Amino acid sequence: VEAFLLNACRSYEQGAKLVEKGSTGGVVTLA
């Protein structure tokens, strides 16, 4: 998946892993 929006609580860790695994960027939450 090229890019994403993870509209869930504290999704930054999963978003960071998606970027590490191949995504280019996305929107996450810190809280």
PDB file of all heavy atoms in Angstrom:
ATOM      1  N   VAL A   1       0.853  -1.187   0.000  1.00  0.00           N
ATOM      2  CA  VAL A   1       0.000   0.000   0.000  1.00  0.00           C
ATOM      3  C   VAL A   1       0.888   1.236   0.000  1.00  0.00           C
ATOM      4  O   VAL A   1       1.756   1.397   0.861  1.00  0.00           O
ATOM      5  CB  VAL A   1      -0.929  -0.003   1.229  1.00  0.00           C
ATOM      6  CG1 VAL A   1      -1.656   1.323   1.353  1.00  0.00           C
ATOM      7  CG2 VAL A   1      -1.926  -1.152   1.130  1.00  0.00           C
ATOM      8  N   GLU A   2       0.678   2.115  -0.975  1.00  0.00           N
ATOM      9  CA  GLU A   2       1.539   3.290  -1.152  1.00  0.00           C
ATOM     10  C   GLU A   2       1.402   4.275  -0.003  1.00  0.00           C
ATOM     11  O   GLU A   2       2.389   4.793   0.517  1.00  0.00           O
ATOM     12  CB  GLU A   2       1.185   3.980  -2.464  1.00  0.00           C
ATOM     13  CG  GLU A   2       2.158   5.047  -2.892  1.00  0.00           C
ATOM     14  CD  GLU A   2       3.385   4.478  -3.571  1.00  0.00           C
ATOM     15  OE1 GLU A   2       3.236   3.615  -4.444  1.00  0.00           O
ATOM     16  OE2 GLU A   2       4.488   4.905  -3.209  1.00  0.00           O
ATOM     17  N   ALA A   3       0.165   4.584   0.388  1.00  0.00           N
ATOM     18  CA  ALA A   3      -0.079   5.575   1.433  1.00  0.00           C
ATOM     19  C   ALA A   3      -1.332   5.172   2.196  1.00  0.00           C
ATOM     20  O   ALA A   3      -2.109   4.323   1.746  1.00  0.00           O
ATOM     21  CB  ALA A   3      -0.242   6.967   0.830  1.00  0.00           C
ATOM     22  N   PHE A   4      -1.542   5.811   3.365  1.00  0.00           N
ATOM     23  CA  PHE A   4      -2.636   5.349   4.219  1.00  0.00           C
ATOM     24  C   PHE A   4      -3.093   6.450   5.169  1.00  0.00           C
ATOM     25  O   PHE A   4      -2.380   7.415   5.438  1.00  0.00           O
ATOM     26  CB  PHE A   4      -2.181   4.131   5.040  1.00  0.00           C
ATOM     27  CG  PHE A   4      -0.908   4.365   5.812  1.00  0.00           C
ATOM     28  CD1 PHE A   4      -0.912   5.006   7.048  1.00  0.00           C
ATOM     29  CD2 PHE A   4       0.319   3.962   5.297  1.00  0.00           C
ATOM     30  CE1 PHE A   4       0.255   5.239   7.746  1.00  0.00           C
ATOM     31  CE2 PHE A   4       1.503   4.188   5.983  1.00  0.00           C
ATOM     32  CZ  PHE A   4       1.473   4.833   7.210  1.00  0.00           C
ATOM     33  N   LEU A   5      -4.304   6.259   5.691  1.00  0.00           N
ATOM     34  CA  LEU A   5      -4.818   6.967   6.851  1.00  0.00           C
ATOM     35  C   LEU A   5      -5.236   5.902   7.853  1.00  0.00           C
ATOM     36  O   LEU A   5      -6.097   5.061   7.537  1.00  0.00           O
ATOM     37  CB  LEU A   5      -6.013   7.848   6.494  1.00  0.00           C
ATOM     38  CG  LEU A   5      -6.887   8.317   7.672  1.00  0.00           C
ATOM     39  CD1 LEU A   5      -6.089   9.160   8.649  1.00  0.00           C
ATOM     40  CD2 LEU A   5      -8.117   9.085   7.170  1.00  0.00           C
ATOM     41  N   LEU A   6      -4.633   5.900   9.027  1.00  0.00           N
ATOM     42  CA  LEU A   6      -5.008   4.969  10.088  1.00  0.00           C
ATOM     43  C   LEU A   6      -5.805   5.759  11.116  1.00  0.00           C
ATOM     44  O   LEU A   6      -5.249   6.357  12.042  1.00  0.00           O
ATOM     45  CB  LEU A   6      -3.760   4.342  10.725  1.00  0.00           C
ATOM     46  CG  LEU A   6      -2.800   3.619   9.775  1.00  0.00           C
ATOM     47  CD1 LEU A   6      -1.667   2.965  10.567  1.00  0.00           C
ATOM     48  CD2 LEU A   6      -3.531   2.594   8.916  1.00  0.00           C
ATOM     49  N   ASN A   7      -7.123   5.781  10.941  1.00  0.00           N
ATOM     50  CA  ASN A   7      -7.982   6.588  11.796  1.00  0.00           C
ATOM     51  C   ASN A   7      -8.416   5.766  12.997  1.00  0.00           C
ATOM     52  O   ASN A   7      -9.554   5.309  13.108  1.00  0.00           O
ATOM     53  CB  ASN A   7      -9.190   7.104  11.012  1.00  0.00           C
ATOM     54  CG  ASN A   7      -9.660   8.445  11.539  1.00  0.00           C
ATOM     55  OD1 ASN A   7      -9.098   8.982  12.489  1.00  0.00           O
ATOM     56  ND2 ASN A   7     -10.692   8.995  10.928  1.00  0.00           N
ATOM     57  N   ALA A   8      -7.455   5.561  13.891  1.00  0.00           N
ATOM     58  CA  ALA A   8      -7.655   4.772  15.097  1.00  0.00           C
ATOM     59  C   ALA A   8      -6.804   5.376  16.203  1.00  0.00           C
ATOM     60  O   ALA A   8      -5.849   6.109  15.939  1.00  0.00           O
ATOM     61  CB  ALA A   8      -7.247   3.318  14.860  1.00  0.00           C
ATOM     62  N   CYS A   9      -7.137   5.073  17.453  1.00  0.00           N
ATOM     63  CA  CYS A   9      -6.363   5.618  18.563  1.00  0.00           C
ATOM     64  C   CYS A   9      -4.912   5.140  18.516  1.00  0.00           C
ATOM     65  O   CYS A   9      -4.635   3.970  18.268  1.00  0.00           O
ATOM     66  CB  CYS A   9      -6.981   5.191  19.892  1.00  0.00           C
ATOM     67  SG  CYS A   9      -8.529   6.032  20.269  1.00  0.00           S
ATOM     68  N   ARG A  10      -4.016   6.061  18.760  1.00  0.00           N
ATOM     69  CA  ARG A  10      -2.589   5.765  18.895  1.00  0.00           C
ATOM     70  C   ARG A  10      -2.100   4.804  17.807  1.00  0.00           C
ATOM     71  O   ARG A  10      -1.490   3.782  18.083  1.00  0.00           O
ATOM     72  CB  ARG A  10      -2.302   5.199  20.279  1.00  0.00           C
ATOM     73  CG  ARG A  10      -2.472   6.232  21.382  1.00  0.00           C
ATOM     74  CD  ARG A  10      -2.075   5.683  22.722  1.00  0.00           C
ATOM     75  NE  ARG A  10      -2.965   4.605  23.137  1.00  0.00           N
ATOM     76  CZ  ARG A  10      -2.631   3.651  23.996  1.00  0.00           C
ATOM     77  NH1 ARG A  10      -1.415   3.614  24.490  1.00  0.00           N
ATOM     78  NH2 ARG A  10      -3.489   2.729  24.336  1.00  0.00           N
ATOM     79  N   SER A  11      -2.335   5.194  16.569  1.00  0.00           N
ATOM     80  CA  SER A  11      -1.990   4.328  15.440  1.00  0.00           C
ATOM     81  C   SER A  11      -0.584   4.568  14.921  1.00  0.00           C
ATOM     82  O   SER A  11      -0.180   3.975  13.927  1.00  0.00           O
ATOM     83  CB  SER A  11      -2.997   4.528  14.302  1.00  0.00           C
ATOM     84  OG  SER A  11      -3.002   5.862  13.845  1.00  0.00           O
ATOM     85  N   TYR A  12       0.187   5.429  15.616  1.00  0.00           N
ATOM     86  CA  TYR A  12       1.496   5.817  15.084  1.00  0.00           C
ATOM     87  C   TYR A  12       2.458   4.641  15.004  1.00  0.00           C
ATOM     88  O   TYR A  12       3.276   4.553  14.086  1.00  0.00           O
ATOM     89  CB  TYR A  12       2.102   6.949  15.923  1.00  0.00           C
ATOM     90  CG  TYR A  12       2.361   6.600  17.358  1.00  0.00           C
ATOM     91  CD1 TYR A  12       3.605   6.136  17.774  1.00  0.00           C
ATOM     92  CD2 TYR A  12       1.366   6.741  18.321  1.00  0.00           C
ATOM     93  CE1 TYR A  12       3.843   5.820  19.093  1.00  0.00           C
ATOM     94  CE2 TYR A  12       1.589   6.424  19.635  1.00  0.00           C
ATOM     95  CZ  TYR A  12       2.830   5.958  20.032  1.00  0.00           C
ATOM     96  OH  TYR A  12       3.054   5.630  21.342  1.00  0.00           O
ATOM     97  N   GLU A  13       2.393   3.698  15.974  1.00  0.00           N
ATOM     98  CA  GLU A  13       3.331   2.573  15.946  1.00  0.00           C
ATOM     99  C   GLU A  13       3.070   1.683  14.729  1.00  0.00           C
ATOM    100  O   GLU A  13       4.008   1.264  14.042  1.00  0.00           O
ATOM    101  CB  GLU A  13       3.226   1.759  17.234  1.00  0.00           C
ATOM    102  CG  GLU A  13       3.822   2.463  18.447  1.00  0.00           C
ATOM    103  CD  GLU A  13       3.844   1.558  19.668  1.00  0.00           C
ATOM    104  OE1 GLU A  13       3.240   0.454  19.600  1.00  0.00           O
ATOM    105  OE2 GLU A  13       4.447   1.945  20.681  1.00  0.00           O
ATOM    106  N   GLN A  14       1.797   1.406  14.459  1.00  0.00           N
ATOM    107  CA  GLN A  14       1.485   0.589  13.287  1.00  0.00           C
ATOM    108  C   GLN A  14       1.820   1.342  11.998  1.00  0.00           C
ATOM    109  O   GLN A  14       2.308   0.763  11.035  1.00  0.00           O
ATOM    110  CB  GLN A  14       0.006   0.186  13.302  1.00  0.00           C
ATOM    111  CG  GLN A  14      -0.362  -0.765  14.434  1.00  0.00           C
ATOM    112  CD  GLN A  14       0.450  -2.052  14.382  1.00  0.00           C
ATOM    113  OE1 GLN A  14       0.513  -2.723  13.356  1.00  0.00           O
ATOM    114  NE2 GLN A  14       1.079  -2.403  15.507  1.00  0.00           N
ATOM    115  N   GLY A  15       1.586   2.651  11.988  1.00  0.00           N
ATOM    116  CA  GLY A  15       1.946   3.438  10.811  1.00  0.00           C
ATOM    117  C   GLY A  15       3.444   3.439  10.561  1.00  0.00           C
ATOM    118  O   GLY A  15       3.899   3.330   9.413  1.00  0.00           O
ATOM    119  N   ALA A  16       4.227   3.555  11.630  1.00  0.00           N
ATOM    120  CA  ALA A  16       5.683   3.523  11.486  1.00  0.00           C
ATOM    121  C   ALA A  16       6.147   2.195  10.903  1.00  0.00           C
ATOM    122  O   ALA A  16       7.060   2.141  10.070  1.00  0.00           O
ATOM    123  CB  ALA A  16       6.352   3.780  12.834  1.00  0.00           C
ATOM    124  N   LYS A  17       5.493   1.110  11.328  1.00  0.00           N
ATOM    125  CA  LYS A  17       5.866  -0.207  10.802  1.00  0.00           C
ATOM    126  C   LYS A  17       5.468  -0.353   9.334  1.00  0.00           C
ATOM    127  O   LYS A  17       6.185  -0.975   8.545  1.00  0.00           O
ATOM    128  CB  LYS A  17       5.215  -1.300  11.646  1.00  0.00           C
ATOM    129  CG  LYS A  17       5.785  -1.388  13.066  1.00  0.00           C
ATOM    130  CD  LYS A  17       5.022  -2.378  13.932  1.00  0.00           C
ATOM    131  CE  LYS A  17       5.578  -2.417  15.346  1.00  0.00           C
ATOM    132  NZ  LYS A  17       4.806  -3.339  16.231  1.00  0.00           N
ATOM    133  N   LEU A  18       4.335   0.230   8.940  1.00  0.00           N
ATOM    134  CA  LEU A  18       3.939   0.186   7.531  1.00  0.00           C
ATOM    135  C   LEU A  18       4.959   0.910   6.657  1.00  0.00           C
ATOM    136  O   LEU A  18       5.308   0.436   5.570  1.00  0.00           O
ATOM    137  CB  LEU A  18       2.558   0.810   7.348  1.00  0.00           C
ATOM    138  CG  LEU A  18       1.367   0.068   7.953  1.00  0.00           C
ATOM    139  CD1 LEU A  18       0.065   0.817   7.648  1.00  0.00           C
ATOM    140  CD2 LEU A  18       1.273  -1.361   7.451  1.00  0.00           C
ATOM    141  N   VAL A  19       5.447   2.059   7.123  1.00  0.00           N
ATOM    142  CA  VAL A  19       6.466   2.798   6.362  1.00  0.00           C
ATOM    143  C   VAL A  19       7.761   1.996   6.317  1.00  0.00           C
ATOM    144  O   VAL A  19       8.422   1.914   5.282  1.00  0.00           O
ATOM    145  CB  VAL A  19       6.689   4.195   6.977  1.00  0.00           C
ATOM    146  CG1 VAL A  19       7.898   4.877   6.348  1.00  0.00           C
ATOM    147  CG2 VAL A  19       5.447   5.059   6.799  1.00  0.00           C
ATOM    148  N   GLU A  20       8.118   1.405   7.446  1.00  0.00           N
ATOM    149  CA  GLU A  20       9.338   0.590   7.490  1.00  0.00           C
ATOM    150  C   GLU A  20       9.259  -0.584   6.524  1.00  0.00           C
ATOM    151  O   GLU A  20      10.252  -0.971   5.905  1.00  0.00           O
ATOM    152  CB  GLU A  20       9.556   0.081   8.913  1.00  0.00           C
ATOM    153  CG  GLU A  20      10.789  -0.782   9.090  1.00  0.00           C
ATOM    154  CD  GLU A  20      10.908  -1.335  10.494  1.00  0.00           C
ATOM    155  OE1 GLU A  20      10.244  -0.802  11.412  1.00  0.00           O
ATOM    156  OE2 GLU A  20      11.655  -2.312  10.685  1.00  0.00           O
ATOM    157  N   LYS A  21       8.042  -1.125   6.338  1.00  0.00           N
ATOM    158  CA  LYS A  21       7.870  -2.320   5.498  1.00  0.00           C
ATOM    159  C   LYS A  21       7.626  -2.002   4.025  1.00  0.00           C
ATOM    160  O   LYS A  21       7.557  -2.921   3.215  1.00  0.00           O
ATOM    161  CB  LYS A  21       6.690  -3.150   6.025  1.00  0.00           C
ATOM    162  CG  LYS A  21       6.886  -3.710   7.427  1.00  0.00           C
ATOM    163  CD  LYS A  21       7.832  -4.906   7.420  1.00  0.00           C
ATOM    164  CE  LYS A  21       7.932  -5.530   8.797  1.00  0.00           C
ATOM    165  NZ  LYS A  21       8.717  -6.786   8.777  1.00  0.00           N
ATOM    166  N   GLY A  22       7.462  -0.725   3.680  1.00  0.00           N
ATOM    167  CA  GLY A  22       7.315  -0.446   2.253  1.00  0.00           C
ATOM    168  C   GLY A  22       6.411   0.698   1.866  1.00  0.00           C
ATOM    169  O   GLY A  22       6.466   1.168   0.718  1.00  0.00           O
ATOM    170  N   SER A  23       5.535   1.194   2.756  1.00  0.00           N
ATOM    171  CA  SER A  23       4.693   2.338   2.406  1.00  0.00           C
ATOM    172  C   SER A  23       5.543   3.594   2.300  1.00  0.00           C
ATOM    173  O   SER A  23       6.609   3.694   2.911  1.00  0.00           O
ATOM    174  CB  SER A  23       3.598   2.551   3.457  1.00  0.00           C
ATOM    175  OG  SER A  23       2.568   1.597   3.326  1.00  0.00           O
ATOM    176  N   THR A  24       5.038   4.572   1.553  1.00  0.00           N
ATOM    177  CA  THR A  24       5.754   5.836   1.417  1.00  0.00           C
ATOM    178  C   THR A  24       5.367   6.828   2.496  1.00  0.00           C
ATOM    179  O   THR A  24       6.211   7.566   3.005  1.00  0.00           O
ATOM    180  CB  THR A  24       5.492   6.444   0.030  1.00  0.00           C
ATOM    181  OG1 THR A  24       5.972   5.540  -0.972  1.00  0.00           O
ATOM    182  CG2 THR A  24       6.195   7.780  -0.132  1.00  0.00           C
ATOM    183  N   GLY A  25       4.103   6.868   2.883  1.00  0.00           N
ATOM    184  CA  GLY A  25       3.694   7.809   3.920  1.00  0.00           C
ATOM    185  C   GLY A  25       2.246   7.641   4.281  1.00  0.00           C
ATOM    186  O   GLY A  25       1.486   6.924   3.608  1.00  0.00           O
ATOM    187  N   GLY A  26       1.842   8.294   5.363  1.00  0.00           N
ATOM    188  CA  GLY A  26       0.462   8.197   5.784  1.00  0.00           C
ATOM    189  C   GLY A  26       0.152   9.159   6.912  1.00  0.00           C
ATOM    190  O   GLY A  26       0.997   9.939   7.359  1.00  0.00           O
ATOM    191  N   VAL A  27      -1.083   9.095   7.387  1.00  0.00           N
ATOM    192  CA  VAL A  27      -1.552   9.915   8.499  1.00  0.00           C
ATOM    193  C   VAL A  27      -1.895   8.984   9.647  1.00  0.00           C
ATOM    194  O   VAL A  27      -2.594   7.979   9.461  1.00  0.00           O
ATOM    195  CB  VAL A  27      -2.788  10.752   8.099  1.00  0.00           C
ATOM    196  CG1 VAL A  27      -3.316  11.533   9.300  1.00  0.00           C
ATOM    197  CG2 VAL A  27      -2.437  11.708   6.967  1.00  0.00           C
ATOM    198  N   VAL A  28      -1.395   9.315  10.858  1.00  0.00           N
ATOM    199  CA  VAL A  28      -1.606   8.478  12.044  1.00  0.00           C
ATOM    200  C   VAL A  28      -1.993   9.375  13.208  1.00  0.00           C
ATOM    201  O   VAL A  28      -1.961  10.601  13.107  1.00  0.00           O
ATOM    202  CB  VAL A  28      -0.331   7.673  12.391  1.00  0.00           C
ATOM    203  CG1 VAL A  28       0.018   6.710  11.266  1.00  0.00           C
ATOM    204  CG2 VAL A  28       0.852   8.606  12.679  1.00  0.00           C
ATOM    205  N   THR A  29      -2.323   8.745  14.329  1.00  0.00           N
ATOM    206  CA  THR A  29      -2.640   9.494  15.545  1.00  0.00           C
ATOM    207  C   THR A  29      -1.616   9.174  16.625  1.00  0.00           C
ATOM    208  O   THR A  29      -1.093   8.065  16.691  1.00  0.00           O
ATOM    209  CB  THR A  29      -4.044   9.139  16.066  1.00  0.00           C
ATOM    210  OG1 THR A  29      -4.072   7.761  16.462  1.00  0.00           O
ATOM    211  CG2 THR A  29      -5.096   9.370  14.996  1.00  0.00           C
ATOM    212  N   LEU A  30      -1.367  10.154  17.486  1.00  0.00           N
ATOM    213  CA  LEU A  30      -0.439   9.969  18.598  1.00  0.00           C
ATOM    214  C   LEU A  30      -1.163   9.723  19.910  1.00  0.00           C
ATOM    215  O   LEU A  30      -0.522   9.508  20.927  1.00  0.00           O
ATOM    216  CB  LEU A  30       0.442  11.211  18.751  1.00  0.00           C
ATOM    217  CG  LEU A  30       1.399  11.540  17.597  1.00  0.00           C
ATOM    218  CD1 LEU A  30       2.162  12.816  17.899  1.00  0.00           C
ATOM    219  CD2 LEU A  30       2.354  10.393  17.350  1.00  0.00           C
ATOM    220  N   ALA A  31      -2.487   9.761  19.898  1.00  0.00           N
ATOM    221  CA  ALA A  31      -3.225   9.695  21.156  1.00  0.00           C
ATOM    222  C   ALA A  31      -4.595   9.083  20.935  1.00  0.00           C
ATOM    223  O   ALA A  31      -4.940   8.650  19.836  1.00  0.00           O
ATOM    224  CB  ALA A  31      -3.340  11.097  21.745  1.00  0.00           C
TER     225      ALA A  31
END
